[in-house]
Protein backbone atom coordinates (compact mmCIF):
# COMPACT_ATOMS: atom_id res chain seq x y z
CA MET A 1 15.53 -5.84 -2.44
CA SER A 2 12.61 -4.15 -0.73
CA ALA A 3 12.08 -0.52 0.13
CA ALA A 4 11.77 -1.48 3.77
CA LYS A 5 15.20 -3.04 3.69
CA ILE A 6 16.63 -0.18 1.67
CA PHE A 7 15.45 2.31 4.22
CA ILE A 8 15.95 0.54 7.51
CA PHE A 9 17.87 -2.70 7.17
CA ILE A 10 19.86 -1.97 4.00
CA PRO A 11 21.17 -5.43 3.03
CA MET A 12 23.24 -4.14 0.10
CA THR A 13 26.95 -3.38 0.03
CA LEU A 14 26.52 0.38 0.13
CA VAL A 15 23.42 2.50 -0.07
CA CYS A 16 23.10 6.25 0.54
CA LEU A 17 19.89 8.12 1.29
CA PHE A 18 19.85 11.88 0.88
CA PHE A 19 17.12 14.47 1.22
CA SER A 20 15.99 15.68 -2.15
CA GLN A 21 14.48 19.09 -2.73
CA SER A 22 11.13 18.48 -1.03
CA ILE A 23 10.85 18.99 2.73
CA ARG A 24 7.49 20.32 3.84
CA SER A 25 6.03 20.31 7.34
CA GLN A 26 3.93 22.11 9.86
CA SER A 27 4.95 22.78 13.44
CA PRO A 28 4.37 19.96 15.93
CA SER A 29 0.99 20.09 17.66
CA ASP A 30 0.53 19.78 21.41
CA ASN A 31 -0.51 16.13 21.02
CA SER A 32 2.05 15.07 18.43
CA PRO A 33 5.82 14.69 18.83
CA LEU A 34 6.21 15.05 15.05
CA PRO A 35 4.95 17.65 12.57
CA LEU A 36 1.62 16.69 11.06
CA ASN A 37 1.50 16.80 7.27
CA GLU A 38 5.28 16.51 7.14
CA LYS A 39 6.65 15.10 3.89
CA LEU A 40 10.25 14.03 3.46
CA SER A 41 11.50 13.09 -0.01
CA PHE A 42 14.62 10.95 -0.32
CA ARG A 43 16.88 9.94 -3.15
CA ILE A 44 17.97 6.29 -3.01
CA SER A 45 21.37 5.54 -4.50
CA TRP A 46 24.13 2.94 -4.61
CA SER A 47 27.43 4.41 -3.42
CA ASN A 48 25.99 7.87 -4.12
CA VAL A 49 26.65 7.19 -7.81
CA LEU A 50 23.75 5.28 -9.33
CA ASP A 51 20.24 6.59 -8.67
CA ALA A 52 18.06 3.63 -7.71
CA GLY A 53 14.83 5.50 -7.04
CA ASN A 54 12.95 7.89 -4.79
CA ALA A 55 11.08 7.53 -1.51
CA ASP A 56 8.56 9.75 0.28
CA LEU A 57 7.85 9.64 4.00
CA THR A 58 4.71 11.34 5.28
CA VAL A 59 3.13 11.97 8.68
CA SER A 60 -0.62 12.40 9.09
CA SER A 61 -3.33 11.92 11.70
CA GLY A 62 -4.03 8.29 12.46
CA ASP A 63 -7.30 6.54 13.21
CA SER A 64 -10.13 9.04 12.75
CA ARG A 65 -11.90 7.52 15.75
CA SER A 66 -9.14 8.58 18.12
CA LYS A 67 -6.50 11.27 18.43
CA ASP A 68 -3.78 9.15 20.00
CA SER A 69 -2.05 7.86 16.87
CA LEU A 70 -0.16 8.96 13.77
CA GLN A 71 -0.11 7.37 10.34
CA LEU A 72 3.41 7.04 8.93
CA VAL A 73 3.67 6.17 5.24
CA LEU A 74 6.68 5.27 3.11
CA LYS A 75 6.26 5.06 -0.67
CA ALA A 76 9.23 4.06 -2.83
CA ARG A 77 9.55 3.79 -6.59
CA THR A 78 12.22 2.94 -9.14
CA SER A 79 14.16 5.61 -10.98
CA GLN A 80 13.61 5.86 -14.73
CA ALA A 81 17.12 4.51 -15.37
CA LEU A 82 16.41 1.22 -13.56
CA THR A 83 12.80 0.65 -14.62
CA ASP A 84 13.72 -2.05 -17.14
CA THR A 85 16.44 -3.59 -14.93
CA TYR A 86 14.87 -3.67 -11.47
CA ASN A 87 11.41 -2.19 -11.18
CA PHE A 88 9.92 -1.74 -7.70
CA LYS A 89 6.89 0.01 -6.28
CA ASP A 90 6.53 -0.32 -2.53
CA GLU A 91 4.24 1.08 0.14
CA LEU A 92 4.61 0.69 3.89
CA VAL A 93 2.06 2.06 6.36
CA SER A 94 2.58 2.27 10.11
CA GLU A 95 0.07 3.27 12.80
CA PHE A 96 2.11 4.82 15.64
CA ASP A 97 0.53 4.81 19.12
CA LEU A 98 1.25 8.14 20.84
CA LYS A 99 0.40 6.79 24.30
CA LEU A 100 2.58 3.70 24.15
CA TRP A 101 5.18 5.28 21.83
CA ALA A 102 5.20 2.12 19.72
CA SER A 103 3.65 0.55 16.65
CA ARG A 104 -0.05 -0.27 16.69
CA SER A 105 -0.18 -1.83 13.22
CA PHE A 106 2.00 -2.19 10.15
CA GLN A 107 1.16 -3.00 6.54
CA LYS A 108 3.65 -3.73 3.79
CA ASN A 109 2.79 -3.98 0.09
CA ILE A 110 5.80 -4.65 -2.11
CA THR A 111 5.98 -5.27 -5.85
CA GLU A 112 9.47 -5.91 -7.19
CA LYS A 113 9.73 -7.44 -10.66
CA ASN A 114 7.85 -10.75 -10.22
CA ARG A 115 7.96 -10.67 -6.42
CA VAL A 116 4.87 -9.54 -4.52
CA VAL A 117 4.68 -9.24 -0.71
CA ASP A 118 1.52 -8.45 1.20
CA GLU A 119 2.04 -8.38 4.96
CA LYS A 120 0.03 -7.02 7.85
CA VAL A 121 0.92 -6.94 11.53
CA ASN A 122 -1.40 -6.00 14.38
CA PHE A 123 0.43 -5.29 17.63
CA ASP A 124 -1.05 -5.83 21.08
CA GLN A 125 1.66 -4.05 23.02
CA LEU A 126 0.06 -4.39 26.46
CA ASN A 127 -0.51 -8.15 26.15
CA ARG A 128 2.85 -8.57 24.41
CA PHE A 129 1.93 -10.32 21.19
CA ALA A 130 1.53 -9.54 17.50
CA VAL A 131 -0.65 -11.17 14.86
CA VAL A 132 1.19 -11.47 11.54
CA THR A 133 -0.58 -12.18 8.25
CA GLN A 134 1.60 -12.71 5.18
CA SER A 135 -0.06 -12.93 1.76
CA ARG A 136 -2.46 -15.90 1.77
CA GLN A 137 -0.75 -17.75 4.59
CA PRO A 138 -2.57 -18.40 7.90
CA SER A 139 -2.13 -15.70 10.53
CA ARG A 140 0.50 -16.30 13.21
CA LYS A 141 0.53 -15.08 16.80
CA ILE A 142 4.05 -14.11 17.89
CA ALA A 143 5.26 -13.06 21.34
CA ILE A 144 6.85 -9.58 21.49
CA GLU A 145 8.23 -7.17 24.05
CA THR A 146 6.18 -4.10 24.91
CA GLY A 147 7.56 -1.21 22.85
CA THR A 148 8.30 -3.27 19.73
CA GLN A 149 8.50 -1.10 16.61
CA ASP A 150 8.03 -1.78 12.92
CA PRO A 151 10.64 -0.63 10.34
CA ILE A 152 8.96 2.77 9.83
CA SER A 153 7.95 3.55 13.41
CA ALA A 154 11.52 2.71 14.50
CA LEU A 155 12.86 5.70 12.59
CA TYR A 156 10.24 8.06 14.00
CA ALA A 157 10.72 6.70 17.53
CA MET A 158 14.40 7.66 17.29
CA ARG A 159 13.44 11.11 16.01
CA THR A 160 11.49 11.85 19.19
CA ILE A 161 14.57 11.41 21.39
CA ALA A 162 16.87 14.33 22.19
CA LEU A 163 20.18 12.79 21.22
CA LYS A 164 23.42 13.50 23.06
CA PRO A 165 26.97 12.25 22.42
CA GLY A 166 27.57 8.96 24.22
CA MET A 167 23.88 8.06 24.41
CA MET A 168 22.98 4.44 23.64
CA LEU A 169 19.55 3.29 22.43
CA SER A 170 18.10 -0.17 22.03
CA PHE A 171 14.64 -1.46 21.09
CA PRO A 172 13.07 -4.42 19.22
CA VAL A 173 11.84 -4.11 15.63
CA MET A 174 9.54 -6.61 13.90
CA ASP A 175 9.62 -7.19 10.14
CA GLY A 176 8.74 -10.21 8.02
CA GLY A 177 7.44 -12.08 11.06
CA ARG A 178 10.84 -11.87 12.78
CA THR A 179 12.08 -9.71 15.62
CA PHE A 180 15.35 -7.80 15.40
CA LEU A 181 17.19 -5.69 17.94
CA LEU A 182 18.11 -2.16 16.86
CA GLU A 183 21.09 -0.80 18.78
CA ALA A 184 22.34 2.74 18.27
CA LYS A 185 25.18 4.75 19.81
CA VAL A 186 25.52 8.51 19.35
CA MET A 187 29.18 9.13 18.54
CA GLY A 188 29.24 12.94 18.36
CA LEU A 189 28.32 16.05 16.41
CA GLU A 190 29.59 16.66 12.87
CA LEU A 191 28.88 19.25 10.21
CA ILE A 192 27.69 17.63 6.98
CA THR A 193 26.80 19.23 3.66
CA THR A 194 24.08 18.12 1.24
CA LYS A 195 22.31 19.76 -1.67
CA LEU A 196 20.06 21.51 0.84
CA GLY A 197 22.93 23.04 2.77
CA SER A 198 25.02 22.30 5.85
CA PHE A 199 23.65 20.61 8.96
CA SER A 200 25.02 20.03 12.44
CA SER A 201 24.25 16.32 12.85
CA HIS A 202 24.70 13.50 15.32
CA ARG A 203 26.76 10.69 13.85
CA THR A 204 24.96 7.62 15.14
CA GLU A 205 26.34 4.12 14.71
CA VAL A 206 23.48 1.68 14.11
CA ARG A 207 23.45 -2.08 14.32
CA ILE A 208 20.49 -4.37 13.64
CA ARG A 209 20.70 -8.05 14.50
CA PRO A 210 18.22 -10.94 14.82
CA VAL A 211 16.93 -11.64 18.32
CA ASP A 212 16.75 -15.42 17.84
CA SER A 213 20.08 -16.90 18.89
CA SER A 214 19.73 -19.77 16.40
CA SER A 215 20.12 -17.40 13.46
CA SER A 216 23.41 -17.52 11.56
CA GLU A 217 23.11 -13.80 10.80
CA ARG A 218 25.17 -11.84 13.29
CA ASN A 219 24.34 -8.38 11.95
CA LEU A 220 21.67 -7.72 9.37
CA PHE A 221 22.84 -4.14 9.16
CA SER A 222 25.75 -2.18 10.55
CA GLY A 223 26.30 1.41 9.50
CA SER A 224 25.90 5.07 10.33
CA ALA A 225 23.05 7.57 10.36
CA MET A 226 23.46 11.33 10.45
CA ILE A 227 20.57 12.88 12.41
CA CYS A 228 20.15 16.66 12.52
CA ASP A 229 20.70 18.40 15.85
CA ASP A 230 17.43 20.35 15.86
CA PHE A 231 13.90 19.91 17.18
CA LEU A 232 12.88 17.79 14.17
CA PHE A 233 15.87 15.39 14.30
CA LEU A 234 15.69 14.80 10.55
CA PRO A 235 17.98 12.12 9.05
CA PRO A 236 19.57 13.76 5.97
CA LEU A 237 22.01 10.91 5.43
CA LEU A 238 22.03 7.18 6.08
CA PHE A 239 24.86 5.04 4.80
CA ARG A 240 26.69 1.76 5.21
């Protein structure tokens, strides 16, 4: 069980993600669709009963040599209650290209009990390929569609779109050297209540499935995301 899958693909029976008490951001700049120095803190739980851990998502300036990218970072850690049972400490880093509106690079470092994953992906969106390096294995060159996202940039790409009921979205996402198709349909507005208060949110049905037709997996994930109806489009709740 990786933090990437908890947050985006969610392969468990039921996982809920809620905002915790920390939400800090600055206003979006003229060059950025998202607030720089934003930090979102999430609580990870099973069935909203058992606390599994915490996750922080941050937005900062990207490559210091250019001003056309953002660095998106997800850090996840086990709760104290599960440290002895299932200890994880994960970090995912995405470089988001503001000109192409897609991932430029993605790095995943995962430590879960005795399992260690070290993966790096460099995207060449214009020439439609990605170079994937996993742990000590030889690098692989994989064909992609222009606009392919990684698991973290996919969330932020959705946040830059002004959602409306009935809208349908679809784009490819690469993770673990495989390409998946993320499909989302905005069902309508609902008022939800969390510990931070009440939010008018778009209920969005999300489905993620493998692109390769030979796969026996029909849907890797099928569930709902509640995305706030404001200029930040924050996701206070994601569940299956």
